[in-house]
Amino acid sequence: MGAVLGWEGILGGYLSAGRLMPLVPGAMASPFPFYLRVHGRASANARLLADWLAAHAVG
């Protein structure tokens, strides 16, 4: 059990499938874009995560 802060564009499938549940009603739009930079010495797992995030980005 735990809590996660995330974007509906990434977590929407988990919410729809019932694998995650909203902690509170409503959502907030972000007024700023987000950027992802992977360090040159990042681990293979960090690169996999970065690739997954980029593949599921909305906008």
PDB file of N, CA and C in Angstrom:
ATOM      1  N   MET A   1       0.836  -1.174   0.000  1.00  0.00           N
ATOM      2  CA  MET A   1       0.000   0.000   0.000  1.00  0.00           C
ATOM      3  C   MET A   1       0.880   1.236   0.000  1.00  0.00           C
ATOM      4  N   GLY A   2       0.452   2.273  -0.671  1.00  0.00           N
ATOM      5  CA  GLY A   2       1.217   3.504  -0.714  1.00  0.00           C
ATOM      6  C   GLY A   2       0.471   4.552  -1.512  1.00  0.00           C
ATOM      7  N   ALA A   3       1.130   5.652  -1.757  1.00  0.00           N
ATOM      8  CA  ALA A   3       0.542   6.741  -2.529  1.00  0.00           C
ATOM      9  C   ALA A   3       1.543   7.159  -3.592  1.00  0.00           C
ATOM     10  N   VAL A   4       1.020   7.655  -4.702  1.00  0.00           N
ATOM     11  CA  VAL A   4       1.873   8.099  -5.796  1.00  0.00           C
ATOM     12  C   VAL A   4       1.311   9.397  -6.358  1.00  0.00           C
ATOM     13  N   LEU A   5       2.188  10.284  -6.745  1.00  0.00           N
ATOM     14  CA  LEU A   5       1.800  11.517  -7.417  1.00  0.00           C
ATOM     15  C   LEU A   5       2.208  11.350  -8.865  1.00  0.00           C
ATOM     16  N   GLY A   6       1.257  11.459  -9.780  1.00  0.00           N
ATOM     17  CA  GLY A   6       1.597  11.227 -11.179  1.00  0.00           C
ATOM     18  C   GLY A   6       0.654  11.935 -12.117  1.00  0.00           C
ATOM     19  N   TRP A   7       0.908  11.771 -13.380  1.00  0.00           N
ATOM     20  CA  TRP A   7       0.125  12.398 -14.424  1.00  0.00           C
ATOM     21  C   TRP A   7      -0.872  11.400 -14.978  1.00  0.00           C
ATOM     22  N   GLU A   8      -2.095  11.889 -15.229  1.00  0.00           N
ATOM     23  CA  GLU A   8      -3.145  11.019 -15.767  1.00  0.00           C
ATOM     24  C   GLU A   8      -2.748  10.420 -17.109  1.00  0.00           C
ATOM     25  N   GLY A   9      -2.004  11.151 -17.905  1.00  0.00           N
ATOM     26  CA  GLY A   9      -1.574  10.637 -19.189  1.00  0.00           C
ATOM     27  C   GLY A   9      -0.691   9.413 -19.071  1.00  0.00           C
ATOM     28  N   ILE A  10       0.027   9.308 -17.976  1.00  0.00           N
ATOM     29  CA  ILE A  10       0.893   8.154 -17.747  1.00  0.00           C
ATOM     30  C   ILE A  10       0.166   7.090 -16.937  1.00  0.00           C
ATOM     31  N   LEU A  11      -0.595   7.507 -15.944  1.00  0.00           N
ATOM     32  CA  LEU A  11      -1.221   6.556 -15.023  1.00  0.00           C
ATOM     33  C   LEU A  11      -2.659   6.209 -15.382  1.00  0.00           C
ATOM     34  N   GLY A  12      -3.210   6.846 -16.423  1.00  0.00           N
ATOM     35  CA  GLY A  12      -4.615   6.649 -16.773  1.00  0.00           C
ATOM     36  C   GLY A  12      -5.015   5.204 -16.978  1.00  0.00           C
ATOM     37  N   GLY A  13      -4.169   4.418 -17.632  1.00  0.00           N
ATOM     38  CA  GLY A  13      -4.476   3.005 -17.854  1.00  0.00           C
ATOM     39  C   GLY A  13      -4.572   2.233 -16.553  1.00  0.00           C
ATOM     40  N   TYR A  14      -3.716   2.567 -15.606  1.00  0.00           N
ATOM     41  CA  TYR A  14      -3.752   1.906 -14.295  1.00  0.00           C
ATOM     42  C   TYR A  14      -5.009   2.307 -13.518  1.00  0.00           C
ATOM     43  N   LEU A  15      -5.397   3.568 -13.666  1.00  0.00           N
ATOM     44  CA  LEU A  15      -6.621   4.028 -13.015  1.00  0.00           C
ATOM     45  C   LEU A  15      -7.839   3.341 -13.625  1.00  0.00           C
ATOM     46  N   SER A  16      -7.884   3.274 -14.951  1.00  0.00           N
ATOM     47  CA  SER A  16      -9.019   2.640 -15.644  1.00  0.00           C
ATOM     48  C   SER A  16      -9.127   1.166 -15.311  1.00  0.00           C
ATOM     49  N   ALA A  17      -7.974   0.514 -15.160  1.00  0.00           N
ATOM     50  CA  ALA A  17      -7.959  -0.923 -14.865  1.00  0.00           C
ATOM     51  C   ALA A  17      -8.202  -1.218 -13.386  1.00  0.00           C
ATOM     52  N   GLY A  18      -8.252  -0.174 -12.561  1.00  0.00           N
ATOM     53  CA  GLY A  18      -8.454  -0.388 -11.129  1.00  0.00           C
ATOM     54  C   GLY A  18      -7.195  -0.795 -10.385  1.00  0.00           C
ATOM     55  N   ARG A  19      -6.045  -0.713 -11.046  1.00  0.00           N
ATOM     56  CA  ARG A  19      -4.779  -1.055 -10.383  1.00  0.00           C
ATOM     57  C   ARG A  19      -4.312   0.068  -9.470  1.00  0.00           C
ATOM     58  N   LEU A  20      -4.750   1.288  -9.782  1.00  0.00           N
ATOM     59  CA  LEU A  20      -4.532   2.445  -8.919  1.00  0.00           C
ATOM     60  C   LEU A  20      -5.872   3.110  -8.685  1.00  0.00           C
ATOM     61  N   MET A  21      -5.997   3.775  -7.531  1.00  0.00           N
ATOM     62  CA  MET A  21      -7.221   4.492  -7.200  1.00  0.00           C
ATOM     63  C   MET A  21      -6.861   5.916  -6.829  1.00  0.00           C
ATOM     64  N   PRO A  22      -7.685   6.895  -7.245  1.00  0.00           N
ATOM     65  CA  PRO A  22      -7.413   8.282  -6.850  1.00  0.00           C
ATOM     66  C   PRO A  22      -7.501   8.428  -5.330  1.00  0.00           C
ATOM     67  N   LEU A  23      -6.548   9.132  -4.774  1.00  0.00           N
ATOM     68  CA  LEU A  23      -6.544   9.372  -3.333  1.00  0.00           C
ATOM     69  C   LEU A  23      -7.562  10.451  -2.975  1.00  0.00           C
ATOM     70  N   VAL A  24      -7.671  11.457  -3.833  1.00  0.00           N
ATOM     71  CA  VAL A  24      -8.626  12.548  -3.637  1.00  0.00           C
ATOM     72  C   VAL A  24      -9.303  12.826  -4.978  1.00  0.00           C
ATOM     73  N   PRO A  25     -10.503  13.386  -4.972  1.00  0.00           N
ATOM     74  CA  PRO A  25     -11.155  13.711  -6.240  1.00  0.00           C
ATOM     75  C   PRO A  25     -10.482  14.912  -6.896  1.00  0.00           C
ATOM     76  N   GLY A  26     -10.589  14.985  -8.195  1.00  0.00           N
ATOM     77  CA  GLY A  26     -10.078  16.144  -8.910  1.00  0.00           C
ATOM     78  C   GLY A  26      -8.641  15.990  -9.343  1.00  0.00           C
ATOM     79  N   ALA A  27      -8.210  16.913 -10.165  1.00  0.00           N
ATOM     80  CA  ALA A  27      -6.850  16.926 -10.687  1.00  0.00           C
ATOM     81  C   ALA A  27      -6.421  18.370 -10.878  1.00  0.00           C
ATOM     82  N   MET A  28      -5.138  18.577 -11.005  1.00  0.00           N
ATOM     83  CA  MET A  28      -4.586  19.901 -11.252  1.00  0.00           C
ATOM     84  C   MET A  28      -3.794  19.870 -12.546  1.00  0.00           C
ATOM     85  N   ALA A  29      -4.006  20.857 -13.371  1.00  0.00           N
ATOM     86  CA  ALA A  29      -3.198  20.987 -14.581  1.00  0.00           C
ATOM     87  C   ALA A  29      -1.873  21.642 -14.214  1.00  0.00           C
ATOM     88  N   SER A  30      -0.817  21.211 -14.848  1.00  0.00           N
ATOM     89  CA  SER A  30       0.489  21.820 -14.618  1.00  0.00           C
ATOM     90  C   SER A  30       0.650  23.023 -15.531  1.00  0.00           C
ATOM     91  N   PRO A  31       1.026  24.159 -14.981  1.00  0.00           N
ATOM     92  CA  PRO A  31       1.203  25.340 -15.823  1.00  0.00           C
ATOM     93  C   PRO A  31       2.543  25.341 -16.566  1.00  0.00           C
ATOM     94  N   PHE A  32       3.401  24.368 -16.271  1.00  0.00           N
ATOM     95  CA  PHE A  32       4.740  24.337 -16.849  1.00  0.00           C
ATOM     96  C   PHE A  32       4.999  23.009 -17.556  1.00  0.00           C
ATOM     97  N   PRO A  33       5.797  23.036 -18.624  1.00  0.00           N
ATOM     98  CA  PRO A  33       6.188  21.780 -19.265  1.00  0.00           C
ATOM     99  C   PRO A  33       7.226  21.071 -18.398  1.00  0.00           C
ATOM    100  N   PHE A  34       7.402  19.809 -18.641  1.00  0.00           N
ATOM    101  CA  PHE A  34       8.394  19.036 -17.924  1.00  0.00           C
ATOM    102  C   PHE A  34       9.428  18.519 -18.902  1.00  0.00           C
ATOM    103  N   TYR A  35      10.656  18.425 -18.461  1.00  0.00           N
ATOM    104  CA  TYR A  35      11.746  17.940 -19.289  1.00  0.00           C
ATOM    105  C   TYR A  35      12.433  16.791 -18.565  1.00  0.00           C
ATOM    106  N   LEU A  36      12.947  15.874 -19.336  1.00  0.00           N
ATOM    107  CA  LEU A  36      13.645  14.725 -18.768  1.00  0.00           C
ATOM    108  C   LEU A  36      15.042  14.679 -19.352  1.00  0.00           C
ATOM    109  N   ARG A  37      16.018  14.636 -18.491  1.00  0.00           N
ATOM    110  CA  ARG A  37      17.403  14.524 -18.928  1.00  0.00           C
ATOM    111  C   ARG A  37      18.009  13.321 -18.234  1.00  0.00           C
ATOM    112  N   VAL A  38      18.635  12.470 -18.998  1.00  0.00           N
ATOM    113  CA  VAL A  38      19.259  11.275 -18.444  1.00  0.00           C
ATOM    114  C   VAL A  38      20.770  11.507 -18.380  1.00  0.00           C
ATOM    115  N   HIS A  39      21.331  11.288 -17.220  1.00  0.00           N
ATOM    116  CA  HIS A  39      22.772  11.458 -17.025  1.00  0.00           C
ATOM    117  C   HIS A  39      23.530  10.472 -17.900  1.00  0.00           C
ATOM    118  N   GLY A  40      24.653  10.879 -18.415  1.00  0.00           N
ATOM    119  CA  GLY A  40      25.463  10.029 -19.275  1.00  0.00           C
ATOM    120  C   GLY A  40      25.888   8.721 -18.635  1.00  0.00           C
ATOM    121  N   ARG A  41      25.985   8.707 -17.311  1.00  0.00           N
ATOM    122  CA  ARG A  41      26.370   7.478 -16.601  1.00  0.00           C
ATOM    123  C   ARG A  41      25.185   6.812 -15.915  1.00  0.00           C
ATOM    124  N   ALA A  42      23.976   7.115 -16.380  1.00  0.00           N
ATOM    125  CA  ALA A  42      22.772   6.517 -15.786  1.00  0.00           C
ATOM    126  C   ALA A  42      22.784   5.008 -15.996  1.00  0.00           C
ATOM    127  N   SER A  43      22.193   4.305 -15.050  1.00  0.00           N
ATOM    128  CA  SER A  43      22.113   2.844 -15.146  1.00  0.00           C
ATOM    129  C   SER A  43      21.168   2.431 -16.271  1.00  0.00           C
ATOM    130  N   ALA A  44      21.262   1.189 -16.653  1.00  0.00           N
ATOM    131  CA  ALA A  44      20.367   0.650 -17.680  1.00  0.00           C
ATOM    132  C   ALA A  44      18.918   0.758 -17.230  1.00  0.00           C
ATOM    133  N   ASN A  45      18.653   0.524 -15.951  1.00  0.00           N
ATOM    134  CA  ASN A  45      17.275   0.626 -15.438  1.00  0.00           C
ATOM    135  C   ASN A  45      16.777   2.066 -15.493  1.00  0.00           C
ATOM    136  N   ALA A  46      17.646   3.022 -15.203  1.00  0.00           N
ATOM    137  CA  ALA A  46      17.247   4.434 -15.286  1.00  0.00           C
ATOM    138  C   ALA A  46      16.933   4.809 -16.727  1.00  0.00           C
ATOM    139  N   ARG A  47      17.699   4.277 -17.659  1.00  0.00           N
ATOM    140  CA  ARG A  47      17.440   4.554 -19.076  1.00  0.00           C
ATOM    141  C   ARG A  47      16.129   3.908 -19.532  1.00  0.00           C
ATOM    142  N   LEU A  48      15.848   2.711 -19.039  1.00  0.00           N
ATOM    143  CA  LEU A  48      14.574   2.063 -19.352  1.00  0.00           C
ATOM    144  C   LEU A  48      13.406   2.903 -18.851  1.00  0.00           C
ATOM    145  N   LEU A  49      13.520   3.410 -17.632  1.00  0.00           N
ATOM    146  CA  LEU A  49      12.470   4.259 -17.076  1.00  0.00           C
ATOM    147  C   LEU A  49      12.310   5.526 -17.908  1.00  0.00           C
ATOM    148  N   ALA A  50      13.411   6.157 -18.271  1.00  0.00           N
ATOM    149  CA  ALA A  50      13.354   7.374 -19.077  1.00  0.00           C
ATOM    150  C   ALA A  50      12.694   7.093 -20.428  1.00  0.00           C
ATOM    151  N   ASP A  51      13.043   5.976 -21.046  1.00  0.00           N
ATOM    152  CA  ASP A  51      12.436   5.608 -22.326  1.00  0.00           C
ATOM    153  C   ASP A  51      10.939   5.373 -22.173  1.00  0.00           C
ATOM    154  N   TRP A  52      10.543   4.718 -21.073  1.00  0.00           N
ATOM    155  CA  TRP A  52       9.124   4.446 -20.834  1.00  0.00           C
ATOM    156  C   TRP A  52       8.363   5.756 -20.623  1.00  0.00           C
ATOM    157  N   LEU A  53       8.924   6.647 -19.825  1.00  0.00           N
ATOM    158  CA  LEU A  53       8.274   7.937 -19.586  1.00  0.00           C
ATOM    159  C   LEU A  53       8.116   8.713 -20.886  1.00  0.00           C
ATOM    160  N   ALA A  54       9.151   8.726 -21.706  1.00  0.00           N
ATOM    161  CA  ALA A  54       9.085   9.455 -22.980  1.00  0.00           C
ATOM    162  C   ALA A  54       8.047   8.837 -23.913  1.00  0.00           C
ATOM    163  N   ALA A  55       7.945   7.526 -23.908  1.00  0.00           N
ATOM    164  CA  ALA A  55       6.986   6.847 -24.779  1.00  0.00           C
ATOM    165  C   ALA A  55       5.546   7.110 -24.356  1.00  0.00           C
ATOM    166  N   HIS A  56       5.327   7.385 -23.076  1.00  0.00           N
ATOM    167  CA  HIS A  56       3.974   7.585 -22.558  1.00  0.00           C
ATOM    168  C   HIS A  56       3.637   9.052 -22.308  1.00  0.00           C
ATOM    169  N   ALA A  57       4.522   9.941 -22.720  1.00  0.00           N
ATOM    170  CA  ALA A  57       4.280  11.367 -22.524  1.00  0.00           C
ATOM    171  C   ALA A  57       3.112  11.824 -23.395  1.00  0.00           C
ATOM    172  N   VAL A  58       2.344  12.735 -22.861  1.00  0.00           N
ATOM    173  CA  VAL A  58       1.205  13.299 -23.584  1.00  0.00           C
ATOM    174  C   VAL A  58       1.549  14.731 -23.945  1.00  0.00           C
ATOM    175  N   GLY A  59       1.285  15.099 -25.190  1.00  0.00           N
ATOM    176  CA  GLY A  59       1.528  16.472 -25.604  1.00  0.00           C
ATOM    177  C   GLY A  59       2.749  16.545 -26.391  1.00  0.00           C
TER     178      GLY A  59
END
